[in-house]
N, C-alpha and C. Protein backbone atom coordinates (compact mmCIF):
# COMPACT_ATOMS: atom_id res chain seq x y z
N MET A 1 -16.70 -11.72 1.02
CA MET A 1 -16.34 -12.78 1.93
C MET A 1 -15.18 -13.62 1.38
N ASP A 2 -14.59 -13.17 0.30
CA ASP A 2 -13.44 -13.88 -0.24
C ASP A 2 -12.28 -13.91 0.75
N ARG A 3 -12.13 -12.84 1.50
CA ARG A 3 -11.03 -12.78 2.47
C ARG A 3 -11.21 -13.84 3.56
N LEU A 4 -12.44 -14.06 3.99
CA LEU A 4 -12.70 -15.09 5.00
C LEU A 4 -12.32 -16.46 4.45
N GLN A 5 -12.68 -16.73 3.22
CA GLN A 5 -12.34 -18.02 2.61
C GLN A 5 -10.82 -18.17 2.46
N GLU A 6 -10.15 -17.06 2.13
CA GLU A 6 -8.69 -17.10 2.05
C GLU A 6 -8.09 -17.55 3.38
N LEU A 7 -8.59 -16.97 4.48
CA LEU A 7 -8.08 -17.34 5.80
C LEU A 7 -8.36 -18.81 6.11
N LYS A 8 -9.56 -19.27 5.80
CA LYS A 8 -9.91 -20.67 6.05
C LYS A 8 -9.01 -21.61 5.26
N ASP A 9 -8.78 -21.29 3.99
CA ASP A 9 -7.91 -22.12 3.15
C ASP A 9 -6.47 -22.12 3.68
N LEU A 10 -6.02 -20.95 4.12
CA LEU A 10 -4.67 -20.84 4.66
C LEU A 10 -4.52 -21.71 5.90
N LEU A 11 -5.48 -21.65 6.79
CA LEU A 11 -5.43 -22.47 8.00
C LEU A 11 -5.47 -23.96 7.68
N ALA A 12 -6.24 -24.33 6.69
CA ALA A 12 -6.34 -25.75 6.31
C ALA A 12 -4.99 -26.29 5.84
N THR A 13 -4.19 -25.44 5.21
CA THR A 13 -2.89 -25.91 4.73
C THR A 13 -1.91 -26.14 5.88
N PHE A 14 -2.19 -25.54 7.04
CA PHE A 14 -1.31 -25.67 8.20
C PHE A 14 -1.59 -26.93 9.01
N GLU A 15 -2.72 -27.54 8.83
CA GLU A 15 -3.20 -28.59 9.72
C GLU A 15 -2.21 -29.75 9.91
N LYS A 16 -1.63 -30.25 8.83
CA LYS A 16 -0.73 -31.40 8.95
C LYS A 16 0.45 -31.11 9.88
N ASP A 17 1.03 -29.92 9.74
CA ASP A 17 2.18 -29.58 10.57
C ASP A 17 1.77 -29.39 12.04
N PHE A 18 0.58 -28.85 12.28
CA PHE A 18 0.10 -28.70 13.66
C PHE A 18 -0.03 -30.08 14.31
N VAL A 19 -0.61 -31.02 13.58
CA VAL A 19 -0.79 -32.37 14.12
C VAL A 19 0.56 -33.02 14.37
N LYS A 20 1.47 -32.90 13.42
CA LYS A 20 2.80 -33.49 13.58
C LYS A 20 3.52 -32.93 14.79
N PHE A 21 3.38 -31.64 15.03
CA PHE A 21 4.08 -31.04 16.15
C PHE A 21 3.39 -31.32 17.49
N TYR A 22 2.11 -31.02 17.57
CA TYR A 22 1.41 -31.12 18.86
C TYR A 22 1.06 -32.54 19.27
N GLU A 23 0.79 -33.40 18.33
CA GLU A 23 0.40 -34.76 18.69
C GLU A 23 1.56 -35.76 18.60
N LYS A 24 2.50 -35.50 17.69
CA LYS A 24 3.58 -36.46 17.49
C LYS A 24 4.93 -35.96 17.97
N GLY A 25 4.99 -34.68 18.36
CA GLY A 25 6.23 -34.13 18.89
C GLY A 25 7.33 -33.90 17.88
N ASN A 26 6.99 -33.77 16.61
CA ASN A 26 7.97 -33.55 15.55
C ASN A 26 8.47 -32.10 15.61
N LYS A 27 9.75 -31.93 15.98
CA LYS A 27 10.31 -30.59 16.15
C LYS A 27 10.42 -29.82 14.83
N SER A 28 10.68 -30.50 13.74
CA SER A 28 10.75 -29.83 12.44
C SER A 28 9.39 -29.25 12.06
N ALA A 29 8.34 -29.96 12.41
CA ALA A 29 6.99 -29.46 12.14
C ALA A 29 6.73 -28.21 12.98
N GLY A 30 7.32 -28.14 14.17
CA GLY A 30 7.19 -26.95 15.01
C GLY A 30 7.77 -25.72 14.33
N THR A 31 8.89 -25.90 13.66
CA THR A 31 9.50 -24.80 12.91
C THR A 31 8.56 -24.35 11.80
N ARG A 32 7.95 -25.29 11.13
CA ARG A 32 7.01 -24.95 10.06
C ARG A 32 5.76 -24.28 10.62
N VAL A 33 5.30 -24.70 11.80
CA VAL A 33 4.14 -24.06 12.44
C VAL A 33 4.45 -22.59 12.70
N ARG A 34 5.64 -22.32 13.20
CA ARG A 34 6.03 -20.93 13.45
C ARG A 34 6.03 -20.13 12.14
N LYS A 35 6.51 -20.73 11.07
CA LYS A 35 6.51 -20.07 9.76
C LYS A 35 5.08 -19.81 9.30
N HIS A 36 4.21 -20.80 9.48
CA HIS A 36 2.81 -20.65 9.10
C HIS A 36 2.14 -19.52 9.88
N MET A 37 2.45 -19.44 11.17
CA MET A 37 1.85 -18.41 11.99
C MET A 37 2.31 -17.02 11.56
N ASN A 38 3.54 -16.91 11.12
CA ASN A 38 4.03 -15.63 10.60
C ASN A 38 3.30 -15.27 9.31
N GLU A 39 3.04 -16.26 8.49
CA GLU A 39 2.28 -16.04 7.26
C GLU A 39 0.87 -15.58 7.58
N LEU A 40 0.26 -16.19 8.58
CA LEU A 40 -1.08 -15.81 9.02
C LEU A 40 -1.09 -14.38 9.53
N LYS A 41 -0.05 -14.02 10.26
CA LYS A 41 0.07 -12.65 10.77
C LYS A 41 0.14 -11.64 9.62
N ARG A 42 0.93 -11.95 8.60
CA ARG A 42 1.03 -11.06 7.44
C ARG A 42 -0.32 -10.91 6.73
N LYS A 43 -1.04 -12.02 6.59
CA LYS A 43 -2.35 -11.99 5.93
C LYS A 43 -3.33 -11.15 6.76
N ALA A 44 -3.30 -11.33 8.08
CA ALA A 44 -4.19 -10.56 8.95
C ALA A 44 -3.89 -9.07 8.85
N GLN A 45 -2.62 -8.72 8.81
CA GLN A 45 -2.23 -7.33 8.69
C GLN A 45 -2.70 -6.75 7.37
N GLU A 46 -2.60 -7.52 6.31
CA GLU A 46 -3.06 -7.10 4.99
C GLU A 46 -4.57 -6.82 5.02
N ILE A 47 -5.31 -7.69 5.66
CA ILE A 47 -6.77 -7.51 5.75
C ILE A 47 -7.11 -6.29 6.60
N ARG A 48 -6.40 -6.12 7.71
CA ARG A 48 -6.65 -4.95 8.57
C ARG A 48 -6.43 -3.66 7.78
N LYS A 49 -5.36 -3.62 6.98
CA LYS A 49 -5.06 -2.43 6.18
C LYS A 49 -6.18 -2.18 5.17
N GLU A 50 -6.64 -3.24 4.54
CA GLU A 50 -7.73 -3.11 3.57
C GLU A 50 -9.00 -2.58 4.22
N VAL A 51 -9.31 -3.08 5.41
CA VAL A 51 -10.50 -2.62 6.14
C VAL A 51 -10.38 -1.13 6.44
N GLN A 52 -9.22 -0.69 6.91
CA GLN A 52 -9.02 0.72 7.21
C GLN A 52 -9.18 1.58 5.96
N GLU A 53 -8.63 1.12 4.84
CA GLU A 53 -8.73 1.88 3.59
C GLU A 53 -10.17 1.98 3.13
N ARG A 54 -10.92 0.90 3.26
CA ARG A 54 -12.32 0.91 2.84
C ARG A 54 -13.15 1.81 3.74
N LYS A 55 -12.84 1.81 5.04
CA LYS A 55 -13.55 2.70 5.97
C LYS A 55 -13.27 4.15 5.62
N ALA A 56 -12.02 4.46 5.32
CA ALA A 56 -11.63 5.83 4.97
C ALA A 56 -12.28 6.27 3.66
N ALA A 57 -12.42 5.35 2.73
CA ALA A 57 -13.03 5.66 1.43
C ALA A 57 -14.52 5.95 1.57
N ASP A 58 -15.13 5.47 2.66
CA ASP A 58 -16.55 5.71 2.88
C ASP A 58 -16.82 7.07 3.49
N GLY A 59 -15.84 7.95 3.50
CA GLY A 59 -16.02 9.31 3.97
C GLY A 59 -15.78 9.49 5.44
N GLY A 60 -15.16 8.54 6.07
CA GLY A 60 -14.85 8.68 7.48
C GLY A 60 -16.07 8.68 8.37
N ALA A 61 -17.09 7.94 7.99
CA ALA A 61 -18.29 7.85 8.80
C ALA A 61 -17.93 7.33 10.19
N PRO A 62 -18.58 7.87 11.23
CA PRO A 62 -18.27 7.41 12.58
C PRO A 62 -18.56 5.93 12.76
N ALA A 63 -17.70 5.28 13.49
CA ALA A 63 -17.86 3.85 13.75
C ALA A 63 -18.91 3.64 14.81
N ALA A 64 -19.65 2.54 14.70
CA ALA A 64 -20.68 2.22 15.67
C ALA A 64 -20.12 1.41 16.84
N GLU A 65 -18.82 1.20 16.82
CA GLU A 65 -18.19 0.39 17.85
C GLU A 65 -17.42 1.27 18.84
N GLY A 66 -16.72 0.62 19.73
CA GLY A 66 -15.97 1.31 20.78
C GLY A 66 -14.78 2.07 20.26
N PRO A 67 -13.88 2.44 21.15
CA PRO A 67 -12.72 3.26 20.78
C PRO A 67 -11.81 2.58 19.76
N GLN A 68 -11.17 3.41 18.98
CA GLN A 68 -10.23 2.91 17.96
C GLN A 68 -8.94 2.48 18.62
N GLU A 69 -8.15 1.64 17.94
CA GLU A 69 -6.84 1.20 18.43
C GLU A 69 -5.84 2.29 18.29
C-alpha cells in the first residue's frame, strides 16, 4: 500500500495551488496545477506499468474482471 500513500502525499502537495487557482483566481497557480496534473499522470502510468508487470510475473493467471484495455 506504499503506492497509495505516495499518491495521497503527492495530492496533498498540490492543494495550495488548487486553492489559489480555483478559489482566488491566481493564473500562475493554474499553470502549476497543470504541471502537478502532469506529474500525477506520470505517477499513475508508472503504477499501471508495475501492476501489469506483477500480473505477468504471476504466470498470466486469468483476471477475474472484465475485458482488458
